[in-house]
N, C-alpha and C. Protein backbone atom coordinates (compact mmCIF):
# COMPACT_ATOMS: atom_id res chain seq x y z
N UNK A 1 -6.97 22.06 18.71
CA UNK A 1 -6.19 21.41 17.68
C UNK A 1 -6.85 21.66 16.33
N UNK A 2 -6.06 21.85 15.30
CA UNK A 2 -6.59 22.19 13.99
C UNK A 2 -7.16 20.97 13.27
N UNK A 3 -8.00 21.24 12.31
CA UNK A 3 -8.58 20.19 11.48
C UNK A 3 -7.47 19.38 10.81
N UNK A 4 -6.47 20.07 10.26
CA UNK A 4 -5.38 19.39 9.56
C UNK A 4 -4.61 18.45 10.49
N UNK A 5 -4.38 18.87 11.73
CA UNK A 5 -3.65 18.03 12.69
C UNK A 5 -4.47 16.79 13.05
N UNK A 6 -5.76 16.97 13.27
CA UNK A 6 -6.61 15.83 13.62
C UNK A 6 -6.72 14.88 12.43
N UNK A 7 -6.82 15.43 11.23
CA UNK A 7 -6.89 14.59 10.04
C UNK A 7 -5.60 13.79 9.88
N UNK A 8 -4.46 14.41 10.14
CA UNK A 8 -3.18 13.71 10.08
C UNK A 8 -3.12 12.58 11.11
N UNK A 9 -3.58 12.84 12.31
CA UNK A 9 -3.63 11.80 13.35
C UNK A 9 -4.55 10.67 12.90
N UNK A 10 -5.69 11.03 12.33
CA UNK A 10 -6.66 10.03 11.85
C UNK A 10 -6.04 9.15 10.77
N UNK A 11 -5.44 9.76 9.78
CA UNK A 11 -4.85 9.01 8.67
C UNK A 11 -3.68 8.14 9.15
N UNK A 12 -2.86 8.69 10.03
CA UNK A 12 -1.74 7.92 10.59
C UNK A 12 -2.25 6.71 11.37
N UNK A 13 -3.30 6.90 12.16
CA UNK A 13 -3.83 5.78 12.94
C UNK A 13 -4.50 4.74 12.03
N UNK A 14 -5.09 5.17 10.92
CA UNK A 14 -5.65 4.22 9.94
C UNK A 14 -4.52 3.35 9.39
N UNK A 15 -3.44 3.99 8.98
CA UNK A 15 -2.31 3.26 8.40
C UNK A 15 -1.72 2.29 9.41
N UNK A 16 -1.50 2.75 10.64
CA UNK A 16 -0.94 1.88 11.68
C UNK A 16 -1.88 0.72 12.00
N UNK A 17 -3.16 1.01 12.09
CA UNK A 17 -4.14 -0.02 12.40
C UNK A 17 -4.16 -1.08 11.29
N UNK A 18 -4.13 -0.63 10.05
CA UNK A 18 -4.16 -1.56 8.92
C UNK A 18 -2.89 -2.41 8.87
N UNK A 19 -1.74 -1.77 9.05
CA UNK A 19 -0.47 -2.52 9.03
C UNK A 19 -0.47 -3.58 10.13
N UNK A 20 -0.90 -3.20 11.31
CA UNK A 20 -0.93 -4.14 12.43
C UNK A 20 -1.93 -5.27 12.19
N UNK A 21 -3.11 -4.94 11.63
CA UNK A 21 -4.09 -5.98 11.32
C UNK A 21 -3.54 -6.94 10.26
N UNK A 22 -2.89 -6.39 9.25
CA UNK A 22 -2.31 -7.23 8.19
C UNK A 22 -1.22 -8.14 8.75
N UNK A 23 -0.37 -7.57 9.58
CA UNK A 23 0.70 -8.35 10.19
C UNK A 23 0.14 -9.47 11.07
N UNK A 24 -0.86 -9.15 11.87
CA UNK A 24 -1.47 -10.17 12.72
C UNK A 24 -2.11 -11.27 11.88
N UNK A 25 -2.71 -10.88 10.75
CA UNK A 25 -3.30 -11.87 9.85
C UNK A 25 -2.26 -12.79 9.24
N UNK A 26 -1.14 -12.21 8.82
CA UNK A 26 -0.04 -13.02 8.26
C UNK A 26 0.48 -13.98 9.33
N UNK A 27 0.67 -13.47 10.54
CA UNK A 27 1.12 -14.34 11.63
C UNK A 27 0.12 -15.45 11.92
N UNK A 28 -1.19 -15.11 11.85
CA UNK A 28 -2.22 -16.13 12.07
C UNK A 28 -2.13 -17.21 11.00
N UNK A 29 -1.98 -16.81 9.75
CA UNK A 29 -1.90 -17.78 8.65
C UNK A 29 -0.66 -18.67 8.81
N UNK A 30 0.43 -18.08 9.24
CA UNK A 30 1.68 -18.82 9.43
C UNK A 30 1.70 -19.66 10.71
N UNK A 31 0.75 -19.39 11.61
CA UNK A 31 0.76 -20.07 12.90
C UNK A 31 1.91 -19.60 13.78
N UNK A 32 2.30 -18.36 13.63
CA UNK A 32 3.46 -17.81 14.33
C UNK A 32 3.18 -17.56 15.81
N UNK A 33 4.16 -17.88 16.66
CA UNK A 33 4.03 -17.56 18.09
C UNK A 33 4.10 -16.05 18.36
N UNK A 34 4.54 -15.28 17.37
CA UNK A 34 4.60 -13.82 17.54
C UNK A 34 3.22 -13.23 17.84
N UNK A 35 2.18 -13.92 17.39
CA UNK A 35 0.81 -13.45 17.60
C UNK A 35 0.42 -13.44 19.08
N UNK A 36 1.15 -14.15 19.90
CA UNK A 36 0.81 -14.22 21.33
C UNK A 36 1.62 -13.25 22.19
N UNK A 37 2.46 -12.43 21.55
CA UNK A 37 3.24 -11.46 22.33
C UNK A 37 2.31 -10.48 23.03
N UNK A 38 2.73 -10.04 24.19
CA UNK A 38 1.89 -9.18 25.03
C UNK A 38 1.51 -7.87 24.33
N UNK A 39 2.46 -7.21 23.71
CA UNK A 39 2.19 -5.91 23.09
C UNK A 39 1.20 -6.01 21.93
N UNK A 40 1.18 -7.17 21.28
CA UNK A 40 0.26 -7.35 20.14
C UNK A 40 -1.18 -7.47 20.61
N UNK A 41 -1.37 -7.71 21.89
CA UNK A 41 -2.72 -7.82 22.44
C UNK A 41 -3.31 -6.47 22.82
N UNK A 42 -2.46 -5.49 23.22
CA UNK A 42 -3.02 -4.21 23.67
C UNK A 42 -2.78 -3.05 22.70
N UNK A 43 -1.72 -3.11 21.89
CA UNK A 43 -1.43 -2.01 20.98
C UNK A 43 -2.56 -1.72 19.99
N UNK A 44 -3.21 -2.73 19.40
CA UNK A 44 -4.33 -2.43 18.50
C UNK A 44 -5.45 -1.64 19.17
N UNK A 45 -5.69 -1.89 20.45
CA UNK A 45 -6.75 -1.18 21.17
C UNK A 45 -6.38 0.31 21.34
N UNK A 46 -5.12 0.57 21.61
CA UNK A 46 -4.67 1.96 21.75
C UNK A 46 -4.79 2.69 20.41
N UNK A 47 -4.29 2.07 19.36
CA UNK A 47 -4.36 2.70 18.03
C UNK A 47 -5.80 2.92 17.61
N UNK A 48 -6.65 1.91 17.80
CA UNK A 48 -8.05 2.03 17.38
C UNK A 48 -8.82 3.06 18.21
N UNK A 49 -8.44 3.25 19.47
CA UNK A 49 -9.05 4.29 20.28
C UNK A 49 -8.69 5.67 19.74
N UNK A 50 -7.44 5.85 19.38
CA UNK A 50 -7.02 7.11 18.77
C UNK A 50 -7.74 7.32 17.44
N UNK A 51 -7.86 6.27 16.66
CA UNK A 51 -8.56 6.32 15.37
C UNK A 51 -10.02 6.74 15.56
N UNK A 52 -10.71 6.10 16.47
CA UNK A 52 -12.12 6.42 16.72
C UNK A 52 -12.28 7.83 17.27
N UNK A 53 -11.43 8.23 18.19
CA UNK A 53 -11.51 9.58 18.76
C UNK A 53 -11.30 10.64 17.69
N UNK A 54 -10.29 10.43 16.84
CA UNK A 54 -10.04 11.41 15.78
C UNK A 54 -11.19 11.44 14.77
N UNK A 55 -11.80 10.28 14.50
CA UNK A 55 -12.95 10.24 13.59
C UNK A 55 -14.12 11.04 14.14
N UNK A 56 -14.39 10.87 15.42
CA UNK A 56 -15.49 11.62 16.05
C UNK A 56 -15.21 13.12 16.02
N UNK A 57 -13.97 13.49 16.30
CA UNK A 57 -13.61 14.91 16.24
C UNK A 57 -13.76 15.47 14.82
N UNK A 58 -13.33 14.72 13.83
CA UNK A 58 -13.45 15.18 12.44
C UNK A 58 -14.91 15.33 12.02
N UNK A 59 -15.73 14.36 12.38
CA UNK A 59 -17.16 14.42 12.03
C UNK A 59 -17.81 15.64 12.67
N UNK A 60 -17.45 15.91 13.91
CA UNK A 60 -18.04 17.08 14.58
C UNK A 60 -17.53 18.38 13.96
N UNK A 61 -16.29 18.38 13.49
CA UNK A 61 -15.73 19.59 12.88
C UNK A 61 -16.34 19.89 11.51
N UNK A 62 -16.58 18.84 10.72
CA UNK A 62 -17.15 19.07 9.38
C UNK A 62 -18.67 19.12 9.43
N UNK A 63 -19.23 18.75 10.56
CA UNK A 63 -20.68 18.76 10.78
C UNK A 63 -21.44 17.96 9.73
N UNK A 64 -20.90 16.79 9.43
CA UNK A 64 -21.58 15.82 8.56
C UNK A 64 -21.72 14.56 9.39
N UNK A 65 -22.93 14.04 9.46
CA UNK A 65 -23.19 12.96 10.39
C UNK A 65 -23.78 11.75 9.68
N UNK A 66 -23.47 10.54 10.19
CA UNK A 66 -24.07 9.34 9.62
C UNK A 66 -25.60 9.44 9.68
N UNK A 67 -26.24 8.93 8.68
CA UNK A 67 -27.69 9.01 8.60
C UNK A 67 -28.13 10.19 7.75
N UNK A 68 -27.32 11.23 7.73
CA UNK A 68 -27.62 12.41 6.92
C UNK A 68 -26.70 12.47 5.70
N UNK A 69 -25.60 11.78 5.77
CA UNK A 69 -24.65 11.72 4.67
C UNK A 69 -24.43 10.26 4.30
N UNK A 70 -24.87 9.88 3.11
CA UNK A 70 -24.85 8.47 2.71
C UNK A 70 -23.43 7.90 2.69
N UNK A 71 -22.46 8.69 2.26
CA UNK A 71 -21.09 8.17 2.19
C UNK A 71 -20.54 7.90 3.58
N UNK A 72 -20.90 8.74 4.55
CA UNK A 72 -20.43 8.54 5.92
C UNK A 72 -21.13 7.32 6.54
N UNK A 73 -22.40 7.16 6.23
CA UNK A 73 -23.13 5.97 6.69
C UNK A 73 -22.52 4.70 6.10
N UNK A 74 -22.13 4.76 4.83
CA UNK A 74 -21.49 3.61 4.18
C UNK A 74 -20.16 3.28 4.84
N UNK A 75 -19.40 4.31 5.20
CA UNK A 75 -18.13 4.09 5.88
C UNK A 75 -18.34 3.42 7.23
N UNK A 76 -19.33 3.88 7.96
CA UNK A 76 -19.61 3.31 9.29
C UNK A 76 -20.09 1.86 9.14
N UNK A 77 -20.97 1.62 8.18
CA UNK A 77 -21.42 0.25 7.92
C UNK A 77 -20.26 -0.65 7.53
N UNK A 78 -19.38 -0.13 6.68
CA UNK A 78 -18.19 -0.89 6.29
C UNK A 78 -17.29 -1.15 7.48
N UNK A 79 -17.18 -0.18 8.36
CA UNK A 79 -16.35 -0.34 9.55
C UNK A 79 -16.87 -1.48 10.44
N UNK A 80 -18.19 -1.53 10.63
CA UNK A 80 -18.76 -2.62 11.44
C UNK A 80 -18.48 -3.98 10.79
N UNK A 81 -18.62 -4.05 9.47
CA UNK A 81 -18.33 -5.31 8.76
C UNK A 81 -16.85 -5.66 8.89
N UNK A 82 -15.99 -4.67 8.75
CA UNK A 82 -14.54 -4.87 8.89
C UNK A 82 -14.19 -5.40 10.28
N UNK A 83 -14.79 -4.82 11.30
CA UNK A 83 -14.54 -5.27 12.68
C UNK A 83 -15.02 -6.70 12.87
N UNK A 84 -16.22 -7.01 12.38
CA UNK A 84 -16.76 -8.37 12.50
C UNK A 84 -15.86 -9.38 11.79
N UNK A 85 -15.47 -9.08 10.56
CA UNK A 85 -14.59 -9.99 9.82
C UNK A 85 -13.24 -10.13 10.52
N UNK A 86 -12.73 -9.03 11.06
CA UNK A 86 -11.47 -9.07 11.79
C UNK A 86 -11.56 -9.94 13.03
N UNK A 87 -12.69 -9.89 13.72
CA UNK A 87 -12.88 -10.73 14.91
C UNK A 87 -12.91 -12.21 14.53
N UNK A 88 -13.59 -12.51 13.42
CA UNK A 88 -13.62 -13.90 12.96
C UNK A 88 -12.22 -14.34 12.55
N UNK A 89 -11.51 -13.47 11.85
CA UNK A 89 -10.17 -13.81 11.36
C UNK A 89 -9.17 -14.03 12.49
N UNK A 90 -9.23 -13.22 13.52
CA UNK A 90 -8.19 -13.29 14.54
C UNK A 90 -8.60 -13.95 15.84
N UNK A 91 -9.91 -14.20 16.02
CA UNK A 91 -10.33 -14.79 17.29
C UNK A 91 -11.40 -15.85 17.16
N UNK A 92 -12.47 -15.56 16.44
CA UNK A 92 -13.66 -16.40 16.51
C UNK A 92 -13.71 -17.54 15.50
N UNK A 93 -12.94 -17.44 14.44
CA UNK A 93 -12.96 -18.48 13.40
C UNK A 93 -12.52 -19.82 13.96
N UNK A 94 -13.22 -20.88 13.57
CA UNK A 94 -12.92 -22.21 14.10
C UNK A 94 -11.79 -22.91 13.34
N UNK A 95 -11.66 -22.59 12.05
CA UNK A 95 -10.62 -23.24 11.26
C UNK A 95 -9.72 -22.18 10.64
N UNK A 96 -8.52 -22.60 10.24
CA UNK A 96 -7.60 -21.67 9.60
C UNK A 96 -8.19 -21.17 8.28
N UNK A 97 -8.93 -22.03 7.57
CA UNK A 97 -9.56 -21.62 6.31
C UNK A 97 -10.57 -20.50 6.56
N UNK A 98 -11.42 -20.67 7.56
CA UNK A 98 -12.41 -19.64 7.90
C UNK A 98 -11.71 -18.35 8.29
N UNK A 99 -10.68 -18.46 9.10
CA UNK A 99 -9.94 -17.28 9.53
C UNK A 99 -9.28 -16.57 8.36
N UNK A 100 -8.68 -17.34 7.46
CA UNK A 100 -7.99 -16.76 6.31
C UNK A 100 -8.97 -16.07 5.36
N UNK A 101 -10.09 -16.72 5.08
CA UNK A 101 -11.11 -16.11 4.21
C UNK A 101 -11.65 -14.83 4.84
N UNK A 102 -11.89 -14.85 6.13
CA UNK A 102 -12.38 -13.65 6.82
C UNK A 102 -11.35 -12.54 6.77
N UNK A 103 -10.08 -12.89 6.92
CA UNK A 103 -9.01 -11.90 6.86
C UNK A 103 -8.94 -11.26 5.47
N UNK A 104 -9.05 -12.07 4.43
CA UNK A 104 -9.02 -11.55 3.06
C UNK A 104 -10.23 -10.65 2.81
N UNK A 105 -11.40 -11.08 3.24
CA UNK A 105 -12.61 -10.26 3.07
C UNK A 105 -12.50 -8.95 3.84
N UNK A 106 -11.90 -9.00 5.02
CA UNK A 106 -11.70 -7.77 5.80
C UNK A 106 -10.79 -6.80 5.04
N UNK A 107 -9.79 -7.33 4.35
CA UNK A 107 -8.90 -6.49 3.54
C UNK A 107 -9.69 -5.78 2.44
N UNK A 108 -10.58 -6.51 1.80
CA UNK A 108 -11.41 -5.93 0.73
C UNK A 108 -12.31 -4.84 1.30
N UNK A 109 -12.93 -5.11 2.43
CA UNK A 109 -13.81 -4.12 3.07
C UNK A 109 -13.00 -2.88 3.47
N UNK A 110 -11.79 -3.08 3.98
CA UNK A 110 -10.96 -1.94 4.35
C UNK A 110 -10.74 -1.02 3.14
N UNK A 111 -10.39 -1.61 2.02
CA UNK A 111 -10.14 -0.78 0.83
C UNK A 111 -11.42 -0.12 0.32
N UNK A 112 -12.56 -0.77 0.51
CA UNK A 112 -13.84 -0.12 0.19
C UNK A 112 -14.03 1.13 1.06
N UNK A 113 -13.78 1.00 2.35
CA UNK A 113 -13.93 2.13 3.27
C UNK A 113 -13.01 3.28 2.85
N UNK A 114 -11.77 2.96 2.51
CA UNK A 114 -10.82 3.99 2.08
C UNK A 114 -11.31 4.67 0.80
N UNK A 115 -11.78 3.88 -0.16
CA UNK A 115 -12.26 4.47 -1.41
C UNK A 115 -13.49 5.36 -1.18
N UNK A 116 -14.38 4.93 -0.31
CA UNK A 116 -15.55 5.77 0.01
C UNK A 116 -15.09 7.07 0.67
N UNK A 117 -14.11 6.98 1.55
CA UNK A 117 -13.59 8.18 2.21
C UNK A 117 -12.97 9.14 1.20
N UNK A 118 -12.26 8.60 0.24
CA UNK A 118 -11.59 9.45 -0.75
C UNK A 118 -12.56 10.05 -1.78
N UNK A 119 -13.56 9.26 -2.17
CA UNK A 119 -14.47 9.71 -3.25
C UNK A 119 -15.76 10.31 -2.74
N UNK A 120 -16.10 10.06 -1.48
CA UNK A 120 -17.39 10.47 -0.90
C UNK A 120 -18.55 9.86 -1.68
N UNK A 121 -18.30 8.67 -2.25
CA UNK A 121 -19.28 7.99 -3.08
C UNK A 121 -19.35 6.52 -2.66
N UNK A 122 -20.43 6.10 -1.99
CA UNK A 122 -20.52 4.72 -1.50
C UNK A 122 -20.72 3.68 -2.59
N UNK A 123 -21.17 4.10 -3.77
CA UNK A 123 -21.38 3.11 -4.84
C UNK A 123 -20.12 2.89 -5.65
N UNK A 124 -19.15 3.78 -5.49
CA UNK A 124 -17.86 3.72 -6.20
C UNK A 124 -18.05 3.77 -7.71
N UNK A 125 -19.16 4.36 -8.14
CA UNK A 125 -19.39 4.59 -9.56
C UNK A 125 -18.98 6.03 -9.82
N UNK A 126 -18.05 6.20 -10.75
CA UNK A 126 -17.53 7.54 -11.00
C UNK A 126 -18.27 8.12 -12.11
């Protein structure tokens, strides 16, 4: 598979993952029963698996690795923070306020990761 095809899969899975995370967060804030639907429990795992697989393929194709490339390390660090905040927002948070704040912070971290990916600059100083 070509680099362009894998990159397209990666970007598409990022968009789908973000839309689904945002939707789940809105449903959580609203207290919607839609959040308990069966497909909403497994679809994020499928999308995120495709996202992670495509990321690993892209990293191996460009031969730039975390630890050797600061911007890639920043993206990975941001990803771990995003996952942690997402877990608090959608599962681990004890109150709706905690969940909502975590969801908003996860949104900010997501956009940081995207900006680092686009600029290859973890400090976002142009």
